[in-house]
Amino acid sequence: MSKKAVASKKISQQLKRNPKRKIDEEIELPKKKARNTAKNKNPKHLPSEGQRELTNLRQVKIASNKRKTWQPLSKSSREHLKTMIESVIIEILSNNIREHEQVQYHLNYLKKRLLQLCETLKVPPIKLKDLTNVSSLLKMERAQHRANEEGLALLQEEIDKILETIESMTGNIHSLKNKIQILTSEVEEEEEKVKQAFHINAGVLCLPELSQKSLKAPTLQKEILALIPNHNALLKDLDVLHNSSQMKNVLTFIEEAYKRLDAV
């Protein structure tokens, strides 16, 4: 048996005897590994970003007695983490990517594996308090979401009412248009009847002929004079009165009065 095999066998036996030491050494192993890799690699050949990453790495050693106070993640924190992962997966899958089914299977497997690890993961009490705030924030977001949904419901009701009024107004407009068309057709028919009755299209207004009785009938003056005895003397008196100076003065006065009224 080689020396390396014997040494590894001794280390495994010691770890079985002392499990606490195993946990402490598990944290120290990555630190030693990082040191060995940093020594083996020449920093001159690394880019500036790689050198910066190596300098920023820092291993923290935590005593086993401090881990006793650690507590597992709460169910609300795990649920919140699950919703965040699912939203990220949906956002990734919403893009037009190749091999959609394989990517979805791989992401779901990673989600399942991460949630399984979170079930056994323990965190410090301070970090746990910070994580408990997630549930309160989630409640606030849910309340805001409900308020937004209620506001959207009210807006939808208002939109439905507006649409109903618009539909009723549209129906009224159509009915009014139909009535206008009916009245327009009736007016056109009446105009045609009038044109046919009076021959308006000929350019000459054809009135009905007067009867012979109306032409031979006496005038109103003759009818009045026939009722007055000695009407010839009356006509002479009226002629004298009309040509008298007094009547002329009266007519002149009346004309002057009308002129002044028009000027005012």
C-alpha atoms as a PDB file:
ATOM      1  CA  MET A   1       0.000   0.000   0.000  1.00  0.00           C
ATOM      2  CA  SER A   2       1.366   3.489  -0.874  1.00  0.00           C
ATOM      3  CA  LYS A   3       1.981   6.322   1.585  1.00  0.00           C
ATOM      4  CA  LYS A   4      -0.845   8.479   0.150  1.00  0.00           C
ATOM      5  CA  ALA A   5      -3.397   5.707   0.631  1.00  0.00           C
ATOM      6  CA  VAL A   6      -2.306   5.168   4.227  1.00  0.00           C
ATOM      7  CA  ALA A   7      -2.555   8.906   4.972  1.00  0.00           C
ATOM      8  CA  SER A   8      -6.027   9.206   3.471  1.00  0.00           C
ATOM      9  CA  LYS A   9      -7.172   6.180   5.473  1.00  0.00           C
ATOM     10  CA  LYS A  10      -5.959   7.788   8.709  1.00  0.00           C
ATOM     11  CA  ILE A  11      -7.739  11.056   7.920  1.00  0.00           C
ATOM     12  CA  SER A  12     -11.017   9.266   7.225  1.00  0.00           C
ATOM     13  CA  GLN A  13     -10.776   7.377  10.506  1.00  0.00           C
ATOM     14  CA  GLN A  14     -10.170  10.636  12.410  1.00  0.00           C
ATOM     15  CA  LEU A  15     -13.153  12.284  10.732  1.00  0.00           C
ATOM     16  CA  LYS A  16     -15.419   9.424  11.689  1.00  0.00           C
ATOM     17  CA  ARG A  17     -14.354   9.776  15.318  1.00  0.00           C
ATOM     18  CA  ASN A  18     -14.793  13.581  15.480  1.00  0.00           C
ATOM     19  CA  PRO A  19     -17.581  14.915  13.164  1.00  0.00           C
ATOM     20  CA  LYS A  20     -17.291  18.510  14.482  1.00  0.00           C
ATOM     21  CA  ARG A  21     -13.683  18.607  13.388  1.00  0.00           C
ATOM     22  CA  LYS A  22     -14.849  17.411   9.999  1.00  0.00           C
ATOM     23  CA  ILE A  23     -17.123  20.451   9.575  1.00  0.00           C
ATOM     24  CA  ASP A  24     -14.339  22.840  10.564  1.00  0.00           C
ATOM     25  CA  GLU A  25     -11.876  21.215   8.216  1.00  0.00           C
ATOM     26  CA  GLU A  26     -14.369  21.281   5.350  1.00  0.00           C
ATOM     27  CA  ILE A  27     -14.350  25.060   5.546  1.00  0.00           C
ATOM     28  CA  GLU A  28     -10.552  25.168   5.777  1.00  0.00           C
ATOM     29  CA  LEU A  29     -10.056  22.881   2.767  1.00  0.00           C
ATOM     30  CA  PRO A  30     -11.332  25.381   0.149  1.00  0.00           C
ATOM     31  CA  LYS A  31      -9.057  27.985   1.698  1.00  0.00           C
ATOM     32  CA  LYS A  32      -6.009  25.726   1.351  1.00  0.00           C
ATOM     33  CA  LYS A  33      -7.078  24.742  -2.124  1.00  0.00           C
ATOM     34  CA  ALA A  34      -7.396  28.384  -3.124  1.00  0.00           C
ATOM     35  CA  ARG A  35      -3.929  29.086  -1.736  1.00  0.00           C
ATOM     36  CA  ASN A  36      -2.418  26.149  -3.611  1.00  0.00           C
ATOM     37  CA  THR A  37      -4.055  27.166  -6.879  1.00  0.00           C
ATOM     38  CA  ALA A  38      -2.908  30.748  -6.371  1.00  0.00           C
ATOM     39  CA  LYS A  39       0.656  29.553  -5.770  1.00  0.00           C
ATOM     40  CA  ASN A  40       0.666  27.193  -8.742  1.00  0.00           C
ATOM     41  CA  LYS A  41      -0.626  29.866 -11.132  1.00  0.00           C
ATOM     42  CA  ASN A  42       1.607  32.728 -12.098  1.00  0.00           C
ATOM     43  CA  PRO A  43      -0.263  36.037 -11.537  1.00  0.00           C
ATOM     44  CA  LYS A  44       1.781  37.688 -14.255  1.00  0.00           C
ATOM     45  CA  HIS A  45       0.060  35.574 -16.906  1.00  0.00           C
ATOM     46  CA  LEU A  46      -3.454  36.292 -15.512  1.00  0.00           C
ATOM     47  CA  PRO A  47      -5.529  39.250 -16.758  1.00  0.00           C
ATOM     48  CA  SER A  48      -6.206  42.222 -14.491  1.00  0.00           C
ATOM     49  CA  GLU A  49      -9.796  41.029 -13.796  1.00  0.00           C
ATOM     50  CA  GLY A  50      -8.558  37.595 -12.728  1.00  0.00           C
ATOM     51  CA  GLN A  51      -5.985  39.144 -10.397  1.00  0.00           C
ATOM     52  CA  ARG A  52      -8.670  41.348  -8.854  1.00  0.00           C
ATOM     53  CA  GLU A  53     -10.934  38.336  -8.229  1.00  0.00           C
ATOM     54  CA  LEU A  54      -8.121  36.439  -6.528  1.00  0.00           C
ATOM     55  CA  THR A  55      -7.319  39.370  -4.259  1.00  0.00           C
ATOM     56  CA  ASN A  56     -10.996  39.870  -3.308  1.00  0.00           C
ATOM     57  CA  LEU A  57     -11.537  36.244  -2.269  1.00  0.00           C
ATOM     58  CA  ARG A  58     -11.679  35.863   1.488  1.00  0.00           C
ATOM     59  CA  GLN A  59     -12.389  32.698   3.468  1.00  0.00           C
ATOM     60  CA  VAL A  60     -14.210  33.126   6.788  1.00  0.00           C
ATOM     61  CA  LYS A  61     -13.739  30.524   9.476  1.00  0.00           C
ATOM     62  CA  ILE A  62     -16.804  29.960  11.661  1.00  0.00           C
ATOM     63  CA  ALA A  63     -16.571  28.078  14.921  1.00  0.00           C
ATOM     64  CA  SER A  64     -18.785  25.066  15.460  1.00  0.00           C
ATOM     65  CA  ASN A  65     -20.279  26.489  18.688  1.00  0.00           C
ATOM     66  CA  LYS A  66     -21.674  29.459  16.728  1.00  0.00           C
ATOM     67  CA  ARG A  67     -23.426  27.138  14.311  1.00  0.00           C
ATOM     68  CA  LYS A  68     -25.514  25.770  17.144  1.00  0.00           C
ATOM     69  CA  THR A  69     -27.619  28.948  17.154  1.00  0.00           C
ATOM     70  CA  TRP A  70     -28.272  28.738  13.430  1.00  0.00           C
ATOM     71  CA  GLN A  71     -31.809  27.935  12.346  1.00  0.00           C
ATOM     72  CA  PRO A  72     -33.253  26.558   9.104  1.00  0.00           C
ATOM     73  CA  LEU A  73     -34.914  28.810   6.571  1.00  0.00           C
ATOM     74  CA  SER A  74     -38.575  29.533   7.166  1.00  0.00           C
ATOM     75  CA  LYS A  75     -41.231  28.191   4.846  1.00  0.00           C
ATOM     76  CA  SER A  76     -42.234  31.696   3.740  1.00  0.00           C
ATOM     77  CA  SER A  77     -38.642  32.459   2.722  1.00  0.00           C
ATOM     78  CA  ARG A  78     -38.458  29.242   0.732  1.00  0.00           C
ATOM     79  CA  GLU A  79     -41.800  29.997  -0.921  1.00  0.00           C
ATOM     80  CA  HIS A  80     -40.627  33.491  -1.822  1.00  0.00           C
ATOM     81  CA  LEU A  81     -37.403  32.075  -3.244  1.00  0.00           C
ATOM     82  CA  LYS A  82     -39.435  29.571  -5.244  1.00  0.00           C
ATOM     83  CA  THR A  83     -41.636  32.302  -6.755  1.00  0.00           C
ATOM     84  CA  MET A  84     -38.562  34.373  -7.649  1.00  0.00           C
ATOM     85  CA  ILE A  85     -36.922  31.400  -9.377  1.00  0.00           C
ATOM     86  CA  GLU A  86     -40.119  30.586 -11.268  1.00  0.00           C
ATOM     87  CA  SER A  87     -40.464  34.189 -12.450  1.00  0.00           C
ATOM     88  CA  VAL A  88     -36.851  34.150 -13.682  1.00  0.00           C
ATOM     89  CA  ILE A  89     -37.443  30.838 -15.479  1.00  0.00           C
ATOM     90  CA  ILE A  90     -40.570  32.210 -17.157  1.00  0.00           C
ATOM     91  CA  GLU A  91     -38.676  35.336 -18.235  1.00  0.00           C
ATOM     92  CA  ILE A  92     -35.883  33.215 -19.717  1.00  0.00           C
ATOM     93  CA  LEU A  93     -38.264  30.864 -21.504  1.00  0.00           C
ATOM     94  CA  SER A  94     -40.322  33.754 -22.869  1.00  0.00           C
ATOM     95  CA  ASN A  95     -37.399  34.682 -25.112  1.00  0.00           C
ATOM     96  CA  ASN A  96     -37.035  32.924 -28.437  1.00  0.00           C
ATOM     97  CA  ILE A  97     -34.260  30.482 -27.583  1.00  0.00           C
ATOM     98  CA  ARG A  98     -33.148  27.272 -29.186  1.00  0.00           C
ATOM     99  CA  GLU A  99     -33.650  23.889 -27.520  1.00  0.00           C
ATOM    100  CA  HIS A 100     -36.543  25.268 -25.480  1.00  0.00           C
ATOM    101  CA  GLU A 101     -37.520  21.939 -23.912  1.00  0.00           C
ATOM    102  CA  GLN A 102     -33.978  21.044 -22.860  1.00  0.00           C
ATOM    103  CA  VAL A 103     -33.440  24.464 -21.282  1.00  0.00           C
ATOM    104  CA  GLN A 104     -36.768  24.207 -19.446  1.00  0.00           C
ATOM    105  CA  TYR A 105     -35.903  20.732 -18.131  1.00  0.00           C
ATOM    106  CA  HIS A 106     -32.457  21.907 -16.999  1.00  0.00           C
ATOM    107  CA  LEU A 107     -33.824  25.003 -15.236  1.00  0.00           C
ATOM    108  CA  ASN A 108     -36.553  23.013 -13.475  1.00  0.00           C
ATOM    109  CA  TYR A 109     -33.967  20.499 -12.319  1.00  0.00           C
ATOM    110  CA  LEU A 110     -31.781  23.318 -10.932  1.00  0.00           C
ATOM    111  CA  LYS A 111     -34.805  24.825  -9.184  1.00  0.00           C
ATOM    112  CA  LYS A 112     -35.714  21.503  -7.607  1.00  0.00           C
ATOM    113  CA  ARG A 113     -32.132  20.892  -6.478  1.00  0.00           C
ATOM    114  CA  LEU A 114     -31.788  24.406  -5.004  1.00  0.00           C
ATOM    115  CA  LEU A 115     -35.055  24.126  -3.080  1.00  0.00           C
ATOM    116  CA  GLN A 116     -33.971  20.761  -1.690  1.00  0.00           C
ATOM    117  CA  LEU A 117     -30.746  22.330  -0.454  1.00  0.00           C
ATOM    118  CA  CYS A 118     -32.647  25.241   1.080  1.00  0.00           C
ATOM    119  CA  GLU A 119     -34.747  22.820   3.138  1.00  0.00           C
ATOM    120  CA  THR A 120     -31.641  21.682   5.032  1.00  0.00           C
ATOM    121  CA  LEU A 121     -29.826  25.019   4.897  1.00  0.00           C
ATOM    122  CA  LYS A 122     -29.264  26.806   8.203  1.00  0.00           C
ATOM    123  CA  VAL A 123     -28.589  30.511   8.550  1.00  0.00           C
ATOM    124  CA  PRO A 124     -27.614  32.833  11.412  1.00  0.00           C
ATOM    125  CA  PRO A 125     -30.456  34.369  13.456  1.00  0.00           C
ATOM    126  CA  ILE A 126     -29.742  37.895  12.155  1.00  0.00           C
ATOM    127  CA  LYS A 127     -29.977  36.707   8.581  1.00  0.00           C
ATOM    128  CA  LEU A 128     -33.119  34.808   9.476  1.00  0.00           C
ATOM    129  CA  LYS A 129     -34.700  38.019  10.802  1.00  0.00           C
ATOM    130  CA  ASP A 130     -33.836  39.715   7.542  1.00  0.00           C
ATOM    131  CA  LEU A 131     -35.449  36.886   5.661  1.00  0.00           C
ATOM    132  CA  THR A 132     -38.600  37.081   7.774  1.00  0.00           C
ATOM    133  CA  ASN A 133     -39.119  40.605   6.444  1.00  0.00           C
ATOM    134  CA  VAL A 134     -39.671  39.014   3.073  1.00  0.00           C
ATOM    135  CA  SER A 135     -43.031  37.670   4.238  1.00  0.00           C
ATOM    136  CA  SER A 136     -44.176  41.136   5.335  1.00  0.00           C
ATOM    137  CA  LEU A 137     -43.024  42.601   2.035  1.00  0.00           C
ATOM    138  CA  LEU A 138     -44.844  39.813   0.258  1.00  0.00           C
ATOM    139  CA  LYS A 139     -48.027  40.661   2.183  1.00  0.00           C
ATOM    140  CA  MET A 140     -47.667  44.314   1.211  1.00  0.00           C
ATOM    141  CA  GLU A 141     -47.186  43.367  -2.428  1.00  0.00           C
ATOM    142  CA  ARG A 142     -50.229  41.106  -2.308  1.00  0.00           C
ATOM    143  CA  ALA A 143     -52.318  43.894  -0.752  1.00  0.00           C
ATOM    144  CA  GLN A 144     -51.125  46.276  -3.453  1.00  0.00           C
ATOM    145  CA  HIS A 145     -51.933  43.650  -6.056  1.00  0.00           C
ATOM    146  CA  ARG A 146     -55.460  43.261  -4.682  1.00  0.00           C
ATOM    147  CA  ALA A 147     -55.933  47.040  -4.657  1.00  0.00           C
ATOM    148  CA  ASN A 148     -54.746  47.212  -8.258  1.00  0.00           C
ATOM    149  CA  GLU A 149     -57.149  44.435  -9.230  1.00  0.00           C
ATOM    150  CA  GLU A 150     -60.049  46.269  -7.545  1.00  0.00           C
ATOM    151  CA  GLY A 151     -59.117  49.471  -9.354  1.00  0.00           C
ATOM    152  CA  LEU A 152     -58.965  47.604 -12.646  1.00  0.00           C
ATOM    153  CA  ALA A 153     -62.375  46.067 -11.936  1.00  0.00           C
ATOM    154  CA  LEU A 154     -63.866  49.531 -11.309  1.00  0.00           C
ATOM    155  CA  LEU A 155     -62.294  50.850 -14.490  1.00  0.00           C
ATOM    156  CA  GLN A 156     -63.702  47.883 -16.396  1.00  0.00           C
ATOM    157  CA  GLU A 157     -67.185  48.627 -15.030  1.00  0.00           C
ATOM    158  CA  GLU A 158     -66.899  52.272 -16.091  1.00  0.00           C
ATOM    159  CA  ILE A 159     -65.691  51.206 -19.532  1.00  0.00           C
ATOM    160  CA  ASP A 160     -68.636  48.809 -19.861  1.00  0.00           C
ATOM    161  CA  LYS A 161     -71.069  51.592 -18.922  1.00  0.00           C
ATOM    162  CA  ILE A 162     -69.489  53.943 -21.448  1.00  0.00           C
ATOM    163  CA  LEU A 163     -69.721  51.256 -24.118  1.00  0.00           C
ATOM    164  CA  GLU A 164     -73.412  50.717 -23.318  1.00  0.00           C
ATOM    165  CA  THR A 165     -74.136  54.452 -23.644  1.00  0.00           C
ATOM    166  CA  ILE A 166     -72.184  54.573 -26.905  1.00  0.00           C
ATOM    167  CA  GLU A 167     -74.169  51.621 -28.252  1.00  0.00           C
ATOM    168  CA  SER A 168     -77.477  53.254 -27.272  1.00  0.00           C
ATOM    169  CA  MET A 169     -76.403  56.558 -28.852  1.00  0.00           C
ATOM    170  CA  THR A 170     -75.357  54.704 -31.996  1.00  0.00           C
ATOM    171  CA  GLY A 171     -78.781  53.035 -32.150  1.00  0.00           C
ATOM    172  CA  ASN A 172     -80.518  56.406 -31.730  1.00  0.00           C
ATOM    173  CA  ILE A 173     -78.373  57.906 -34.483  1.00  0.00           C
ATOM    174  CA  HIS A 174     -79.281  55.076 -36.855  1.00  0.00           C
ATOM    175  CA  SER A 175     -82.994  55.452 -36.072  1.00  0.00           C
ATOM    176  CA  LEU A 176     -82.802  59.228 -36.643  1.00  0.00           C
ATOM    177  CA  LYS A 177     -81.012  58.670 -39.947  1.00  0.00           C
ATOM    178  CA  ASN A 178     -83.776  56.309 -41.043  1.00  0.00           C
ATOM    179  CA  LYS A 179     -86.444  58.859 -40.075  1.00  0.00           C
ATOM    180  CA  ILE A 180     -84.585  61.599 -41.967  1.00  0.00           C
ATOM    181  CA  GLN A 181     -84.393  59.406 -45.055  1.00  0.00           C
ATOM    182  CA  ILE A 182     -88.130  58.676 -44.858  1.00  0.00           C
ATOM    183  CA  LEU A 183     -88.989  62.382 -44.450  1.00  0.00           C
ATOM    184  CA  THR A 184     -86.622  63.322 -47.292  1.00  0.00           C
ATOM    185  CA  SER A 185     -88.293  60.833 -49.616  1.00  0.00           C
ATOM    186  CA  GLU A 186     -91.742  62.164 -48.615  1.00  0.00           C
ATOM    187  CA  VAL A 187     -90.647  65.769 -49.280  1.00  0.00           C
ATOM    188  CA  GLU A 188     -89.274  64.779 -52.687  1.00  0.00           C
ATOM    189  CA  GLU A 189     -92.557  63.083 -53.553  1.00  0.00           C
ATOM    190  CA  GLU A 190     -94.516  66.196 -52.524  1.00  0.00           C
ATOM    191  CA  GLU A 191     -92.217  68.413 -54.601  1.00  0.00           C
ATOM    192  CA  GLU A 192     -92.747  66.198 -57.624  1.00  0.00           C
ATOM    193  CA  LYS A 193     -96.502  66.407 -57.155  1.00  0.00           C
ATOM    194  CA  VAL A 194     -96.339  70.236 -56.908  1.00  0.00           C
ATOM    195  CA  LYS A 195     -94.170  70.455 -60.021  1.00  0.00           C
ATOM    196  CA  GLN A 196     -96.553  68.258 -61.941  1.00  0.00           C
ATOM    197  CA  ALA A 197     -99.562  70.299 -60.768  1.00  0.00           C
ATOM    198  CA  PHE A 198     -98.156  73.758 -61.627  1.00  0.00           C
ATOM    199  CA  HIS A 199     -95.768  72.782 -64.435  1.00  0.00           C
ATOM    200  CA  ILE A 200     -92.864  74.484 -62.717  1.00  0.00           C
ATOM    201  CA  ASN A 201     -90.275  72.800 -64.947  1.00  0.00           C
ATOM    202  CA  ALA A 202     -91.660  74.613 -68.029  1.00  0.00           C
ATOM    203  CA  GLY A 203     -90.366  77.970 -66.725  1.00  0.00           C
ATOM    204  CA  VAL A 204     -93.839  79.571 -66.899  1.00  0.00           C
ATOM    205  CA  LEU A 205     -96.273  79.592 -64.023  1.00  0.00           C
ATOM    206  CA  CYS A 206     -99.576  78.324 -65.393  1.00  0.00           C
ATOM    207  CA  LEU A 207    -102.379  79.679 -63.272  1.00  0.00           C
ATOM    208  CA  PRO A 208    -105.940  78.530 -63.748  1.00  0.00           C
ATOM    209  CA  GLU A 209    -108.056  80.619 -66.117  1.00  0.00           C
ATOM    210  CA  LEU A 210    -110.572  83.117 -64.753  1.00  0.00           C
ATOM    211  CA  SER A 211    -114.192  82.387 -65.392  1.00  0.00           C
ATOM    212  CA  GLN A 212    -116.279  84.586 -67.677  1.00  0.00           C
ATOM    213  CA  LYS A 213    -118.561  85.473 -64.792  1.00  0.00           C
ATOM    214  CA  SER A 214    -115.713  87.086 -62.886  1.00  0.00           C
ATOM    215  CA  LEU A 215    -114.754  89.190 -65.919  1.00  0.00           C
ATOM    216  CA  LYS A 216    -118.316  90.393 -66.521  1.00  0.00           C
ATOM    217  CA  ALA A 217    -119.082  91.009 -62.857  1.00  0.00           C
ATOM    218  CA  PRO A 218    -119.404  94.700 -61.790  1.00  0.00           C
ATOM    219  CA  THR A 219    -116.671  96.327 -59.743  1.00  0.00           C
ATOM    220  CA  LEU A 220    -117.047  97.164 -56.089  1.00  0.00           C
ATOM    221  CA  GLN A 221    -117.277 100.904 -56.810  1.00  0.00           C
ATOM    222  CA  LYS A 222    -120.159 100.395 -59.168  1.00  0.00           C
ATOM    223  CA  GLU A 223    -121.946  98.194 -56.675  1.00  0.00           C
ATOM    224  CA  ILE A 224    -121.548 100.847 -53.931  1.00  0.00           C
ATOM    225  CA  LEU A 225    -122.679 103.685 -56.198  1.00  0.00           C
ATOM    226  CA  ALA A 226    -125.687 101.687 -57.260  1.00  0.00           C
ATOM    227  CA  LEU A 227    -126.782 101.577 -53.638  1.00  0.00           C
ATOM    228  CA  ILE A 228    -126.532 105.418 -53.245  1.00  0.00           C
ATOM    229  CA  PRO A 229    -129.336 107.567 -54.710  1.00  0.00           C
ATOM    230  CA  ASN A 230    -128.187 110.566 -56.818  1.00  0.00           C
ATOM    231  CA  HIS A 231    -124.589 109.260 -56.847  1.00  0.00           C
ATOM    232  CA  ASN A 232    -123.549 111.668 -59.667  1.00  0.00           C
ATOM    233  CA  ALA A 233    -123.985 114.688 -57.386  1.00  0.00           C
ATOM    234  CA  LEU A 234    -122.009 112.843 -54.694  1.00  0.00           C
ATOM    235  CA  LEU A 235    -119.107 112.264 -57.094  1.00  0.00           C
ATOM    236  CA  LYS A 236    -119.083 115.985 -58.023  1.00  0.00           C
ATOM    237  CA  ASP A 237    -118.992 116.994 -54.361  1.00  0.00           C
ATOM    238  CA  LEU A 238    -116.115 114.581 -53.701  1.00  0.00           C
ATOM    239  CA  ASP A 239    -114.171 115.995 -56.649  1.00  0.00           C
ATOM    240  CA  VAL A 240    -114.660 119.571 -55.392  1.00  0.00           C
ATOM    241  CA  LEU A 241    -113.605 118.541 -51.899  1.00  0.00           C
ATOM    242  CA  HIS A 242    -110.495 116.764 -53.179  1.00  0.00           C
ATOM    243  CA  ASN A 243    -109.357 119.786 -55.211  1.00  0.00           C
ATOM    244  CA  SER A 244    -110.029 122.331 -52.440  1.00  0.00           C
ATOM    245  CA  SER A 245    -107.177 124.232 -50.764  1.00  0.00           C
ATOM    246  CA  GLN A 246    -108.103 122.918 -47.315  1.00  0.00           C
ATOM    247  CA  MET A 247    -107.678 119.303 -48.462  1.00  0.00           C
ATOM    248  CA  LYS A 248    -104.360 120.165 -50.088  1.00  0.00           C
ATOM    249  CA  ASN A 249    -103.136 121.740 -46.838  1.00  0.00           C
ATOM    250  CA  VAL A 250    -104.174 118.648 -44.891  1.00  0.00           C
ATOM    251  CA  LEU A 251    -102.318 116.368 -47.334  1.00  0.00           C
ATOM    252  CA  THR A 252     -99.229 118.575 -47.153  1.00  0.00           C
ATOM    253  CA  PHE A 253     -99.346 118.490 -43.350  1.00  0.00           C
ATOM    254  CA  ILE A 254     -99.641 114.706 -43.340  1.00  0.00           C
ATOM    255  CA  GLU A 255     -96.679 114.314 -45.749  1.00  0.00           C
ATOM    256  CA  GLU A 256     -94.521 116.635 -43.613  1.00  0.00           C
ATOM    257  CA  ALA A 257     -95.438 114.681 -40.484  1.00  0.00           C
ATOM    258  CA  TYR A 258     -94.409 111.388 -42.125  1.00  0.00           C
ATOM    259  CA  LYS A 259     -91.088 112.903 -43.230  1.00  0.00           C
ATOM    260  CA  ARG A 260     -90.259 114.002 -39.692  1.00  0.00           C
ATOM    261  CA  LEU A 261     -91.208 110.618 -38.304  1.00  0.00           C
ATOM    262  CA  ASP A 262     -88.882 108.942 -40.787  1.00  0.00           C
ATOM    263  CA  ALA A 263     -86.060 111.337 -39.819  1.00  0.00           C
ATOM    264  CA  VAL A 264     -86.484 110.465 -36.122  1.00  0.00           C
END
